[in-house]
């Protein structure tokens, strides 16, 4: 049989482990704080109807053609993929300690995300 003290110790370890995995990762690179602040802003903008990733309008879209539901979905998917790739590159450059590369990739991610 397990003693009360042992049960409390086990329970405390379980709670501590749960809290450890529940915290957000801390980025320690040269632009980690900027990445974290931007990701926070992105999460906070989620309730705004116009917020989200976007790409520049294509030439085809400017030629008086009406978008189809499929073309809109394709553009949204491409915008999200491009944004995700830019943010992932910023994080990779941050881990490598590349301040210039991180700043450039984070700038690209910011340029393709509408926070409003």
PDB file of N, CA and C in Angstrom:
ATOM      1  N   UNK A   1       0.821  -1.189   0.000  1.00  0.00           N
ATOM      2  CA  UNK A   1       0.000   0.000   0.000  1.00  0.00           C
ATOM      3  C   UNK A   1       0.868   1.257   0.000  1.00  0.00           C
ATOM      4  N   UNK A   2       0.370   2.263  -0.632  1.00  0.00           N
ATOM      5  CA  UNK A   2       1.086   3.513  -0.733  1.00  0.00           C
ATOM      6  C   UNK A   2       0.688   4.414   0.421  1.00  0.00           C
ATOM      7  N   UNK A   3       1.647   5.086   0.983  1.00  0.00           N
ATOM      8  CA  UNK A   3       1.347   5.983   2.088  1.00  0.00           C
ATOM      9  C   UNK A   3       0.772   7.286   1.565  1.00  0.00           C
ATOM     10  N   UNK A   4       0.180   8.042   2.460  1.00  0.00           N
ATOM     11  CA  UNK A   4      -0.422   9.323   2.092  1.00  0.00           C
ATOM     12  C   UNK A   4       0.641  10.279   1.566  1.00  0.00           C
ATOM     13  N   UNK A   5       1.811  10.272   2.186  1.00  0.00           N
ATOM     14  CA  UNK A   5       2.890  11.155   1.750  1.00  0.00           C
ATOM     15  C   UNK A   5       3.338  10.802   0.329  1.00  0.00           C
ATOM     16  N   UNK A   6       3.421   9.522   0.028  1.00  0.00           N
ATOM     17  CA  UNK A   6       3.818   9.097  -1.319  1.00  0.00           C
ATOM     18  C   UNK A   6       2.781   9.516  -2.348  1.00  0.00           C
ATOM     19  N   UNK A   7       1.524   9.384  -1.988  1.00  0.00           N
ATOM     20  CA  UNK A   7       0.457   9.807  -2.909  1.00  0.00           C
ATOM     21  C   UNK A   7       0.539  11.299  -3.185  1.00  0.00           C
ATOM     22  N   UNK A   8       0.812  12.079  -2.154  1.00  0.00           N
ATOM     23  CA  UNK A   8       0.924  13.532  -2.329  1.00  0.00           C
ATOM     24  C   UNK A   8       2.119  13.880  -3.214  1.00  0.00           C
ATOM     25  N   UNK A   9       3.205  13.173  -3.025  1.00  0.00           N
ATOM     26  CA  UNK A   9       4.402  13.413  -3.836  1.00  0.00           C
ATOM     27  C   UNK A   9       4.122  13.100  -5.302  1.00  0.00           C
ATOM     28  N   UNK A  10       3.474  11.982  -5.538  1.00  0.00           N
ATOM     29  CA  UNK A  10       3.125  11.600  -6.913  1.00  0.00           C
ATOM     30  C   UNK A  10       2.174  12.620  -7.525  1.00  0.00           C
ATOM     31  N   UNK A  11       1.188  13.052  -6.772  1.00  0.00           N
ATOM     32  CA  UNK A  11       0.231  14.045  -7.264  1.00  0.00           C
ATOM     33  C   UNK A  11       0.933  15.362  -7.578  1.00  0.00           C
ATOM     34  N   UNK A  12       1.855  15.770  -6.727  1.00  0.00           N
ATOM     35  CA  UNK A  12       2.597  17.017  -6.949  1.00  0.00           C
ATOM     36  C   UNK A  12       3.443  16.916  -8.217  1.00  0.00           C
ATOM     37  N   UNK A  13       4.055  15.759  -8.450  1.00  0.00           N
ATOM     38  CA  UNK A  13       4.856  15.559  -9.660  1.00  0.00           C
ATOM     39  C   UNK A  13       3.988  15.623 -10.915  1.00  0.00           C
ATOM     40  N   UNK A  14       2.821  15.054 -10.842  1.00  0.00           N
ATOM     41  CA  UNK A  14       1.902  15.076 -11.987  1.00  0.00           C
ATOM     42  C   UNK A  14       1.463  16.500 -12.287  1.00  0.00           C
ATOM     43  N   UNK A  15       1.113  17.256 -11.263  1.00  0.00           N
ATOM     44  CA  UNK A  15       0.682  18.643 -11.445  1.00  0.00           C
ATOM     45  C   UNK A  15       1.832  19.484 -12.001  1.00  0.00           C
ATOM     46  N   UNK A  16       3.036  19.298 -11.454  1.00  0.00           N
ATOM     47  CA  UNK A  16       4.198  20.056 -11.927  1.00  0.00           C
ATOM     48  C   UNK A  16       4.479  19.751 -13.393  1.00  0.00           C
ATOM     49  N   UNK A  17       4.369  18.499 -13.775  1.00  0.00           N
ATOM     50  CA  UNK A  17       4.590  18.112 -15.166  1.00  0.00           C
ATOM     51  C   UNK A  17       3.541  18.744 -16.076  1.00  0.00           C
ATOM     52  N   UNK A  18       2.298  18.744 -15.628  1.00  0.00           N
ATOM     53  CA  UNK A  18       1.219  19.348 -16.423  1.00  0.00           C
ATOM     54  C   UNK A  18       1.475  20.831 -16.641  1.00  0.00           C
ATOM     55  N   UNK A  19       1.915  21.539 -15.591  1.00  0.00           N
ATOM     56  CA  UNK A  19       2.205  22.958 -15.736  1.00  0.00           C
ATOM     57  C   UNK A  19       3.412  23.192 -16.644  1.00  0.00           C
ATOM     58  N   UNK A  20       4.381  22.332 -16.574  1.00  0.00           N
ATOM     59  CA  UNK A  20       5.573  22.480 -17.404  1.00  0.00           C
ATOM     60  C   UNK A  20       5.231  22.380 -18.883  1.00  0.00           C
ATOM     61  N   UNK A  21       4.330  21.481 -19.250  1.00  0.00           N
ATOM     62  CA  UNK A  21       3.968  21.318 -20.648  1.00  0.00           C
ATOM     63  C   UNK A  21       2.909  22.306 -21.104  1.00  0.00           C
ATOM     64  N   UNK A  22       2.285  23.006 -20.170  1.00  0.00           N
ATOM     65  CA  UNK A  22       1.223  23.939 -20.500  1.00  0.00           C
ATOM     66  C   UNK A  22       1.756  25.338 -20.794  1.00  0.00           C
ATOM     67  N   UNK A  23       2.994  25.623 -20.474  1.00  0.00           N
ATOM     68  CA  UNK A  23       3.529  26.954 -20.694  1.00  0.00           C
ATOM     69  C   UNK A  23       3.972  27.111 -22.137  1.00  0.00           C
ATOM     70  N   UNK A  24       3.954  28.349 -22.602  1.00  0.00           N
ATOM     71  CA  UNK A  24       4.382  28.638 -23.972  1.00  0.00           C
ATOM     72  C   UNK A  24       5.894  28.534 -24.069  1.00  0.00           C
ATOM     73  N   UNK A  25       6.391  28.087 -25.206  1.00  0.00           N
ATOM     74  CA  UNK A  25       7.836  27.986 -25.348  1.00  0.00           C
ATOM     75  C   UNK A  25       8.480  29.367 -25.341  1.00  0.00           C
ATOM     76  N   UNK A  26       9.629  29.474 -24.740  1.00  0.00           N
ATOM     77  CA  UNK A  26      10.344  30.733 -24.683  1.00  0.00           C
ATOM     78  C   UNK A  26      11.429  30.702 -25.753  1.00  0.00           C
ATOM     79  N   UNK A  27      11.396  31.684 -26.621  1.00  0.00           N
ATOM     80  CA  UNK A  27      12.396  31.773 -27.676  1.00  0.00           C
ATOM     81  C   UNK A  27      13.532  32.638 -27.161  1.00  0.00           C
ATOM     82  N   UNK A  28      14.742  32.114 -27.167  1.00  0.00           N
ATOM     83  CA  UNK A  28      15.870  32.817 -26.572  1.00  0.00           C
ATOM     84  C   UNK A  28      16.800  33.430 -27.599  1.00  0.00           C
ATOM     85  N   UNK A  29      16.453  33.387 -28.873  1.00  0.00           N
ATOM     86  CA  UNK A  29      17.309  33.926 -29.905  1.00  0.00           C
ATOM     87  C   UNK A  29      17.254  35.435 -29.968  1.00  0.00           C
ATOM     88  N   UNK A  30      17.917  36.019 -30.965  1.00  0.00           N
ATOM     89  CA  UNK A  30      18.014  37.470 -31.063  1.00  0.00           C
ATOM     90  C   UNK A  30      16.695  38.192 -31.342  1.00  0.00           C
ATOM     91  N   UNK A  31      15.727  37.506 -31.932  1.00  0.00           N
ATOM     92  CA  UNK A  31      14.445  38.189 -32.157  1.00  0.00           C
ATOM     93  C   UNK A  31      13.275  37.353 -31.625  1.00  0.00           C
ATOM     94  N   UNK A  32      13.561  36.518 -30.649  1.00  0.00           N
ATOM     95  CA  UNK A  32      12.532  35.669 -30.049  1.00  0.00           C
ATOM     96  C   UNK A  32      11.390  36.449 -29.436  1.00  0.00           C
ATOM     97  N   UNK A  33      11.716  37.556 -28.774  1.00  0.00           N
ATOM     98  CA  UNK A  33      10.662  38.365 -28.149  1.00  0.00           C
ATOM     99  C   UNK A  33       9.753  38.993 -29.203  1.00  0.00           C
ATOM    100  N   UNK A  34      10.334  39.412 -30.315  1.00  0.00           N
ATOM    101  CA  UNK A  34       9.527  39.988 -31.401  1.00  0.00           C
ATOM    102  C   UNK A  34       8.599  38.934 -32.005  1.00  0.00           C
ATOM    103  N   UNK A  35       9.106  37.717 -32.174  1.00  0.00           N
ATOM    104  CA  UNK A  35       8.290  36.624 -32.707  1.00  0.00           C
ATOM    105  C   UNK A  35       7.137  36.331 -31.755  1.00  0.00           C
ATOM    106  N   UNK A  36       7.441  36.246 -30.472  1.00  0.00           N
ATOM    107  CA  UNK A  36       6.412  35.964 -29.470  1.00  0.00           C
ATOM    108  C   UNK A  36       5.346  37.061 -29.463  1.00  0.00           C
ATOM    109  N   UNK A  37       5.776  38.321 -29.522  1.00  0.00           N
ATOM    110  CA  UNK A  37       4.821  39.444 -29.533  1.00  0.00           C
ATOM    111  C   UNK A  37       3.938  39.396 -30.774  1.00  0.00           C
ATOM    112  N   UNK A  38       4.536  39.087 -31.929  1.00  0.00           N
ATOM    113  CA  UNK A  38       3.759  39.007 -33.162  1.00  0.00           C
ATOM    114  C   UNK A  38       2.763  37.851 -33.108  1.00  0.00           C
ATOM    115  N   UNK A  39       3.196  36.691 -32.620  1.00  0.00           N
ATOM    116  CA  UNK A  39       2.280  35.548 -32.507  1.00  0.00           C
ATOM    117  C   UNK A  39       1.123  35.866 -31.559  1.00  0.00           C
ATOM    118  N   UNK A  40       1.392  36.613 -30.504  1.00  0.00           N
ATOM    119  CA  UNK A  40       0.330  37.028 -29.584  1.00  0.00           C
ATOM    120  C   UNK A  40      -0.663  37.939 -30.309  1.00  0.00           C
ATOM    121  N   UNK A  41      -0.145  38.878 -31.082  1.00  0.00           N
ATOM    122  CA  UNK A  41      -1.016  39.777 -31.847  1.00  0.00           C
ATOM    123  C   UNK A  41      -1.856  39.004 -32.856  1.00  0.00           C
ATOM    124  N   UNK A  42      -1.258  37.997 -33.493  1.00  0.00           N
ATOM    125  CA  UNK A  42      -1.988  37.166 -34.459  1.00  0.00           C
ATOM    126  C   UNK A  42      -3.135  36.439 -33.758  1.00  0.00           C
ATOM    127  N   UNK A  43      -2.849  35.849 -32.604  1.00  0.00           N
ATOM    128  CA  UNK A  43      -3.914  35.131 -31.856  1.00  0.00           C
ATOM    129  C   UNK A  43      -5.019  36.084 -31.430  1.00  0.00           C
ATOM    130  N   UNK A  44      -4.639  37.289 -31.002  1.00  0.00           N
ATOM    131  CA  UNK A  44      -5.646  38.255 -30.558  1.00  0.00           C
ATOM    132  C   UNK A  44      -6.485  38.783 -31.713  1.00  0.00           C
ATOM    133  N   UNK A  45      -5.967  38.744 -32.912  1.00  0.00           N
ATOM    134  CA  UNK A  45      -6.708  39.258 -34.068  1.00  0.00           C
ATOM    135  C   UNK A  45      -7.676  38.228 -34.642  1.00  0.00           C
ATOM    136  N   UNK A  46      -7.653  37.020 -34.137  1.00  0.00           N
ATOM    137  CA  UNK A  46      -8.441  35.930 -34.725  1.00  0.00           C
ATOM    138  C   UNK A  46      -9.938  36.221 -34.781  1.00  0.00           C
ATOM    139  N   UNK A  47     -10.445  37.045 -33.890  1.00  0.00           N
ATOM    140  CA  UNK A  47     -11.888  37.332 -33.856  1.00  0.00           C
ATOM    141  C   UNK A  47     -12.289  38.435 -34.836  1.00  0.00           C
ATOM    142  N   UNK A  48     -11.317  39.112 -35.412  1.00  0.00           N
ATOM    143  CA  UNK A  48     -11.618  40.186 -36.355  1.00  0.00           C
ATOM    144  C   UNK A  48     -11.884  39.585 -37.742  1.00  0.00           C
ATOM    145  N   UNK A  49     -12.955  39.992 -38.391  1.00  0.00           N
ATOM    146  CA  UNK A  49     -13.335  39.356 -39.661  1.00  0.00           C
ATOM    147  C   UNK A  49     -12.336  39.555 -40.796  1.00  0.00           C
ATOM    148  N   UNK A  50     -11.603  40.664 -40.813  1.00  0.00           N
ATOM    149  CA  UNK A  50     -10.665  40.921 -41.908  1.00  0.00           C
ATOM    150  C   UNK A  50      -9.237  40.504 -41.578  1.00  0.00           C
ATOM    151  N   UNK A  51      -9.021  39.991 -40.390  1.00  0.00           N
ATOM    152  CA  UNK A  51      -7.667  39.596 -39.993  1.00  0.00           C
ATOM    153  C   UNK A  51      -7.292  38.272 -40.649  1.00  0.00           C
ATOM    154  N   UNK A  52      -6.009  38.125 -40.935  1.00  0.00           N
ATOM    155  CA  UNK A  52      -5.522  36.869 -41.478  1.00  0.00           C
ATOM    156  C   UNK A  52      -4.472  37.089 -42.533  1.00  0.00           C
ATOM    157  N   UNK A  53      -3.875  36.003 -42.997  1.00  0.00           N
ATOM    158  CA  UNK A  53      -2.837  36.117 -44.023  1.00  0.00           C
ATOM    159  C   UNK A  53      -3.434  36.487 -45.380  1.00  0.00           C
ATOM    160  N   UNK A  54      -2.649  37.187 -46.170  1.00  0.00           N
ATOM    161  CA  UNK A  54      -3.085  37.550 -47.513  1.00  0.00           C
ATOM    162  C   UNK A  54      -1.865  37.626 -48.416  1.00  0.00           C
ATOM    163  N   UNK A  55      -2.109  37.542 -49.695  1.00  0.00           N
ATOM    164  CA  UNK A  55      -1.060  37.720 -50.700  1.00  0.00           C
ATOM    165  C   UNK A  55      -1.466  38.860 -51.617  1.00  0.00           C
ATOM    166  N   UNK A  56      -0.513  39.374 -52.342  1.00  0.00           N
ATOM    167  CA  UNK A  56      -0.810  40.437 -53.308  1.00  0.00           C
ATOM    168  C   UNK A  56      -1.730  39.891 -54.392  1.00  0.00           C
ATOM    169  N   UNK A  57      -2.547  40.769 -54.923  1.00  0.00           N
ATOM    170  CA  UNK A  57      -3.490  40.378 -55.963  1.00  0.00           C
ATOM    171  C   UNK A  57      -2.731  40.005 -57.239  1.00  0.00           C
ATOM    172  N   UNK A  58      -3.129  38.904 -57.844  1.00  0.00           N
ATOM    173  CA  UNK A  58      -2.460  38.442 -59.066  1.00  0.00           C
ATOM    174  C   UNK A  58      -2.921  39.267 -60.263  1.00  0.00           C
ATOM    175  N   UNK A  59      -2.164  39.174 -61.347  1.00  0.00           N
ATOM    176  CA  UNK A  59      -2.528  39.863 -62.588  1.00  0.00           C
ATOM    177  C   UNK A  59      -3.863  39.334 -63.088  1.00  0.00           C
ATOM    178  N   UNK A  60      -4.062  38.022 -63.000  1.00  0.00           N
ATOM    179  CA  UNK A  60      -5.322  37.430 -63.441  1.00  0.00           C
ATOM    180  C   UNK A  60      -6.521  37.989 -62.687  1.00  0.00           C
ATOM    181  N   UNK A  61      -6.330  38.283 -61.420  1.00  0.00           N
ATOM    182  CA  UNK A  61      -7.428  38.835 -60.623  1.00  0.00           C
ATOM    183  C   UNK A  61      -7.732  40.274 -61.020  1.00  0.00           C
ATOM    184  N   UNK A  62      -6.793  40.931 -61.659  1.00  0.00           N
ATOM    185  CA  UNK A  62      -6.989  42.326 -62.054  1.00  0.00           C
ATOM    186  C   UNK A  62      -7.572  42.468 -63.460  1.00  0.00           C
ATOM    187  N   UNK A  63      -7.833  41.355 -64.117  1.00  0.00           N
ATOM    188  CA  UNK A  63      -8.272  41.404 -65.509  1.00  0.00           C
ATOM    189  C   UNK A  63      -9.787  41.250 -65.639  1.00  0.00           C
ATOM    190  N   UNK A  64     -10.515  41.814 -64.707  1.00  0.00           N
ATOM    191  CA  UNK A  64     -11.973  41.837 -64.744  1.00  0.00           C
ATOM    192  C   UNK A  64     -12.590  40.441 -64.719  1.00  0.00           C
ATOM    193  N   UNK A  65     -11.930  39.504 -64.093  1.00  0.00           N
ATOM    194  CA  UNK A  65     -12.482  38.167 -63.931  1.00  0.00           C
ATOM    195  C   UNK A  65     -13.070  38.044 -62.531  1.00  0.00           C
ATOM    196  N   UNK A  66     -14.205  37.423 -62.450  1.00  0.00           N
ATOM    197  CA  UNK A  66     -14.834  37.221 -61.155  1.00  0.00           C
ATOM    198  C   UNK A  66     -14.202  36.008 -60.463  1.00  0.00           C
ATOM    199  N   UNK A  67     -13.890  36.134 -59.183  1.00  0.00           N
ATOM    200  CA  UNK A  67     -13.328  34.983 -58.478  1.00  0.00           C
ATOM    201  C   UNK A  67     -14.392  33.911 -58.261  1.00  0.00           C
ATOM    202  N   UNK A  68     -13.953  32.691 -58.278  1.00  0.00           N
ATOM    203  CA  UNK A  68     -14.856  31.578 -57.995  1.00  0.00           C
ATOM    204  C   UNK A  68     -14.613  31.133 -56.553  1.00  0.00           C
ATOM    205  N   UNK A  69     -15.541  30.401 -55.970  1.00  0.00           N
ATOM    206  CA  UNK A  69     -15.291  29.885 -54.615  1.00  0.00           C
ATOM    207  C   UNK A  69     -14.003  29.056 -54.550  1.00  0.00           C
ATOM    208  N   UNK A  70     -13.724  28.302 -55.609  1.00  0.00           N
ATOM    209  CA  UNK A  70     -12.509  27.498 -55.638  1.00  0.00           C
ATOM    210  C   UNK A  70     -11.253  28.367 -55.681  1.00  0.00           C
ATOM    211  N   UNK A  71     -11.293  29.428 -56.483  1.00  0.00           N
ATOM    212  CA  UNK A  71     -10.108  30.287 -56.587  1.00  0.00           C
ATOM    213  C   UNK A  71      -9.880  31.062 -55.287  1.00  0.00           C
ATOM    214  N   UNK A  72     -10.954  31.426 -54.622  1.00  0.00           N
ATOM    215  CA  UNK A  72     -10.832  32.108 -53.325  1.00  0.00           C
ATOM    216  C   UNK A  72     -10.225  31.165 -52.290  1.00  0.00           C
ATOM    217  N   UNK A  73     -10.722  29.951 -52.246  1.00  0.00           N
ATOM    218  CA  UNK A  73     -10.202  28.955 -51.305  1.00  0.00           C
ATOM    219  C   UNK A  73      -8.731  28.665 -51.593  1.00  0.00           C
ATOM    220  N   UNK A  74      -8.381  28.541 -52.867  1.00  0.00           N
ATOM    221  CA  UNK A  74      -6.998  28.271 -53.264  1.00  0.00           C
ATOM    222  C   UNK A  74      -6.090  29.430 -52.830  1.00  0.00           C
ATOM    223  N   UNK A  75      -6.546  30.654 -53.025  1.00  0.00           N
ATOM    224  CA  UNK A  75      -5.756  31.826 -52.632  1.00  0.00           C
ATOM    225  C   UNK A  75      -5.591  31.893 -51.116  1.00  0.00           C
ATOM    226  N   UNK A  76      -6.651  31.577 -50.375  1.00  0.00           N
ATOM    227  CA  UNK A  76      -6.560  31.580 -48.908  1.00  0.00           C
ATOM    228  C   UNK A  76      -5.591  30.514 -48.411  1.00  0.00           C
ATOM    229  N   UNK A  77      -5.638  29.349 -49.021  1.00  0.00           N
ATOM    230  CA  UNK A  77      -4.734  28.259 -48.642  1.00  0.00           C
ATOM    231  C   UNK A  77      -3.292  28.630 -48.945  1.00  0.00           C
ATOM    232  N   UNK A  78      -3.064  29.237 -50.108  1.00  0.00           N
ATOM    233  CA  UNK A  78      -1.715  29.653 -50.493  1.00  0.00           C
ATOM    234  C   UNK A  78      -1.210  30.752 -49.562  1.00  0.00           C
ATOM    235  N   UNK A  79      -2.068  31.692 -49.198  1.00  0.00           N
ATOM    236  CA  UNK A  79      -1.669  32.766 -48.295  1.00  0.00           C
ATOM    237  C   UNK A  79      -1.284  32.205 -46.921  1.00  0.00           C
ATOM    238  N   UNK A  80      -2.077  31.274 -46.421  1.00  0.00           N
ATOM    239  CA  UNK A  80      -1.781  30.668 -45.118  1.00  0.00           C
ATOM    240  C   UNK A  80      -0.465  29.900 -45.162  1.00  0.00           C
ATOM    241  N   UNK A  81      -0.244  29.151 -46.241  1.00  0.00           N
ATOM    242  CA  UNK A  81       0.996  28.378 -46.380  1.00  0.00           C
ATOM    243  C   UNK A  81       2.210  29.301 -46.460  1.00  0.00           C
ATOM    244  N   UNK A  82       2.103  30.382 -47.205  1.00  0.00           N
ATOM    245  CA  UNK A  82       3.213  31.332 -47.325  1.00  0.00           C
ATOM    246  C   UNK A  82       3.507  32.004 -45.988  1.00  0.00           C
ATOM    247  N   UNK A  83       2.453  32.377 -45.277  1.00  0.00           N
ATOM    248  CA  UNK A  83       2.619  32.987 -43.960  1.00  0.00           C
ATOM    249  C   UNK A  83       3.275  32.009 -42.993  1.00  0.00           C
ATOM    250  N   UNK A  84       2.776  30.783 -42.960  1.00  0.00           N
ATOM    251  CA  UNK A  84       3.349  29.765 -42.068  1.00  0.00           C
ATOM    252  C   UNK A  84       4.824  29.530 -42.376  1.00  0.00           C
ATOM    253  N   UNK A  85       5.175  29.495 -43.657  1.00  0.00           N
ATOM    254  CA  UNK A  85       6.564  29.274 -44.056  1.00  0.00           C
ATOM    255  C   UNK A  85       7.457  30.442 -43.622  1.00  0.00           C
ATOM    256  N   UNK A  86       6.976  31.662 -43.782  1.00  0.00           N
ATOM    257  CA  UNK A  86       7.762  32.833 -43.381  1.00  0.00           C
ATOM    258  C   UNK A  86       7.981  32.859 -41.871  1.00  0.00           C
ATOM    259  N   UNK A  87       6.943  32.537 -41.116  1.00  0.00           N
ATOM    260  CA  UNK A  87       7.075  32.528 -39.653  1.00  0.00           C
ATOM    261  C   UNK A  87       7.998  31.391 -39.208  1.00  0.00           C
ATOM    262  N   UNK A  88       7.895  30.240 -39.851  1.00  0.00           N
ATOM    263  CA  UNK A  88       8.781  29.118 -39.526  1.00  0.00           C
ATOM    264  C   UNK A  88      10.237  29.477 -39.838  1.00  0.00           C
ATOM    265  N   UNK A  89      10.458  30.187 -40.938  1.00  0.00           N
ATOM    266  CA  UNK A  89      11.820  30.602 -41.287  1.00  0.00           C
ATOM    267  C   UNK A  89      12.354  31.586 -40.254  1.00  0.00           C
ATOM    268  N   UNK A  90      11.500  32.500 -39.791  1.00  0.00           N
ATOM    269  CA  UNK A  90      11.932  33.444 -38.756  1.00  0.00           C
ATOM    270  C   UNK A  90      12.350  32.697 -37.494  1.00  0.00           C
ATOM    271  N   UNK A  91      11.575  31.703 -37.120  1.00  0.00           N
ATOM    272  CA  UNK A  91      11.914  30.911 -35.928  1.00  0.00           C
ATOM    273  C   UNK A  91      13.208  30.134 -36.131  1.00  0.00           C
ATOM    274  N   UNK A  92      13.400  29.595 -37.319  1.00  0.00           N
ATOM    275  CA  UNK A  92      14.624  28.852 -37.625  1.00  0.00           C
ATOM    276  C   UNK A  92      15.841  29.775 -37.550  1.00  0.00           C
ATOM    277  N   UNK A  93      15.724  30.956 -38.135  1.00  0.00           N
ATOM    278  CA  UNK A  93      16.827  31.915 -38.102  1.00  0.00           C
ATOM    279  C   UNK A  93      17.098  32.368 -36.668  1.00  0.00           C
ATOM    280  N   UNK A  94      16.047  32.502 -35.888  1.00  0.00           N
ATOM    281  CA  UNK A  94      16.196  32.894 -34.484  1.00  0.00           C
ATOM    282  C   UNK A  94      16.974  31.828 -33.716  1.00  0.00           C
ATOM    283  N   UNK A  95      16.639  30.560 -33.925  1.00  0.00           N
ATOM    284  CA  UNK A  95      17.340  29.460 -33.257  1.00  0.00           C
ATOM    285  C   UNK A  95      18.814  29.451 -33.663  1.00  0.00           C
ATOM    286  N   UNK A  96      19.086  29.778 -34.908  1.00  0.00           N
ATOM    287  CA  UNK A  96      20.469  29.805 -35.402  1.00  0.00           C
ATOM    288  C   UNK A  96      21.237  31.035 -34.914  1.00  0.00           C
ATOM    289  N   UNK A  97      20.511  32.000 -34.339  1.00  0.00           N
ATOM    290  CA  UNK A  97      21.158  33.230 -33.880  1.00  0.00           C
ATOM    291  C   UNK A  97      21.380  34.243 -34.984  1.00  0.00           C
ATOM    292  N   UNK A  98      20.697  34.074 -36.108  1.00  0.00           N
ATOM    293  CA  UNK A  98      20.841  34.955 -37.269  1.00  0.00           C
ATOM    294  C   UNK A  98      19.849  36.117 -37.149  1.00  0.00           C
ATOM    295  N   UNK A  99      20.297  37.222 -36.560  1.00  0.00           N
ATOM    296  CA  UNK A  99      19.444  38.389 -36.340  1.00  0.00           C
ATOM    297  C   UNK A  99      18.919  38.963 -37.651  1.00  0.00           C
ATOM    298  N   UNK A 100      19.783  39.101 -38.634  1.00  0.00           N
ATOM    299  CA  UNK A 100      19.385  39.690 -39.920  1.00  0.00           C
ATOM    300  C   UNK A 100      18.368  38.807 -40.637  1.00  0.00           C
ATOM    301  N   UNK A 101      18.650  37.520 -40.710  1.00  0.00           N
ATOM    302  CA  UNK A 101      17.732  36.594 -41.364  1.00  0.00           C
ATOM    303  C   UNK A 101      16.400  36.500 -40.648  1.00  0.00           C
ATOM    304  N   UNK A 102      16.465  36.493 -39.331  1.00  0.00           N
ATOM    305  CA  UNK A 102      15.235  36.423 -38.536  1.00  0.00           C
ATOM    306  C   UNK A 102      14.385  37.669 -38.758  1.00  0.00           C
ATOM    307  N   UNK A 103      15.023  38.831 -38.709  1.00  0.00           N
ATOM    308  CA  UNK A 103      14.291  40.085 -38.904  1.00  0.00           C
ATOM    309  C   UNK A 103      13.656  40.146 -40.295  1.00  0.00           C
ATOM    310  N   UNK A 104      14.386  39.675 -41.303  1.00  0.00           N
ATOM    311  CA  UNK A 104      13.848  39.693 -42.668  1.00  0.00           C
ATOM    312  C   UNK A 104      12.652  38.749 -42.802  1.00  0.00           C
ATOM    313  N   UNK A 105      12.786  37.536 -42.270  1.00  0.00           N
ATOM    314  CA  UNK A 105      11.687  36.566 -42.366  1.00  0.00           C
ATOM    315  C   UNK A 105      10.484  37.021 -41.555  1.00  0.00           C
ATOM    316  N   UNK A 106      10.730  37.576 -40.372  1.00  0.00           N
ATOM    317  CA  UNK A 106       9.620  38.069 -39.556  1.00  0.00           C
ATOM    318  C   UNK A 106       8.946  39.256 -40.242  1.00  0.00           C
ATOM    319  N   UNK A 107       9.740  40.097 -40.872  1.00  0.00           N
ATOM    320  CA  UNK A 107       9.169  41.226 -41.638  1.00  0.00           C
ATOM    321  C   UNK A 107       8.270  40.726 -42.764  1.00  0.00           C
ATOM    322  N   UNK A 108       8.709  39.679 -43.443  1.00  0.00           N
ATOM    323  CA  UNK A 108       7.884  39.077 -44.512  1.00  0.00           C
ATOM    324  C   UNK A 108       6.570  38.554 -43.951  1.00  0.00           C
ATOM    325  N   UNK A 109       6.648  37.862 -42.810  1.00  0.00           N
ATOM    326  CA  UNK A 109       5.432  37.326 -42.185  1.00  0.00           C
ATOM    327  C   UNK A 109       4.482  38.459 -41.795  1.00  0.00           C
ATOM    328  N   UNK A 110       5.049  39.530 -41.240  1.00  0.00           N
ATOM    329  CA  UNK A 110       4.219  40.676 -40.842  1.00  0.00           C
ATOM    330  C   UNK A 110       3.578  41.341 -42.056  1.00  0.00           C
ATOM    331  N   UNK A 111       4.346  41.418 -43.161  1.00  0.00           N
ATOM    332  CA  UNK A 111       3.818  42.035 -44.379  1.00  0.00           C
ATOM    333  C   UNK A 111       2.658  41.267 -44.987  1.00  0.00           C
ATOM    334  N   UNK A 112       2.585  39.981 -44.726  1.00  0.00           N
ATOM    335  CA  UNK A 112       1.516  39.180 -45.334  1.00  0.00           C
ATOM    336  C   UNK A 112       0.415  38.799 -44.357  1.00  0.00           C
ATOM    337  N   UNK A 113       0.345  39.496 -43.219  1.00  0.00           N
ATOM    338  CA  UNK A 113      -0.717  39.203 -42.253  1.00  0.00           C
ATOM    339  C   UNK A 113      -1.418  40.497 -41.870  1.00  0.00           C
ATOM    340  N   UNK A 114      -2.710  40.525 -42.082  1.00  0.00           N
ATOM    341  CA  UNK A 114      -3.523  41.683 -41.718  1.00  0.00           C
ATOM    342  C   UNK A 114      -4.020  41.485 -40.300  1.00  0.00           C
ATOM    343  N   UNK A 115      -3.543  42.289 -39.358  1.00  0.00           N
ATOM    344  CA  UNK A 115      -3.951  42.181 -37.956  1.00  0.00           C
ATOM    345  C   UNK A 115      -5.282  42.861 -37.671  1.00  0.00           C
ATOM    346  N   UNK A 116      -5.789  43.623 -38.616  1.00  0.00           N
ATOM    347  CA  UNK A 116      -7.016  44.375 -38.379  1.00  0.00           C
ATOM    348  C   UNK A 116      -8.163  43.586 -38.875  1.00  0.00           C
TER     349      UNK A 116
END
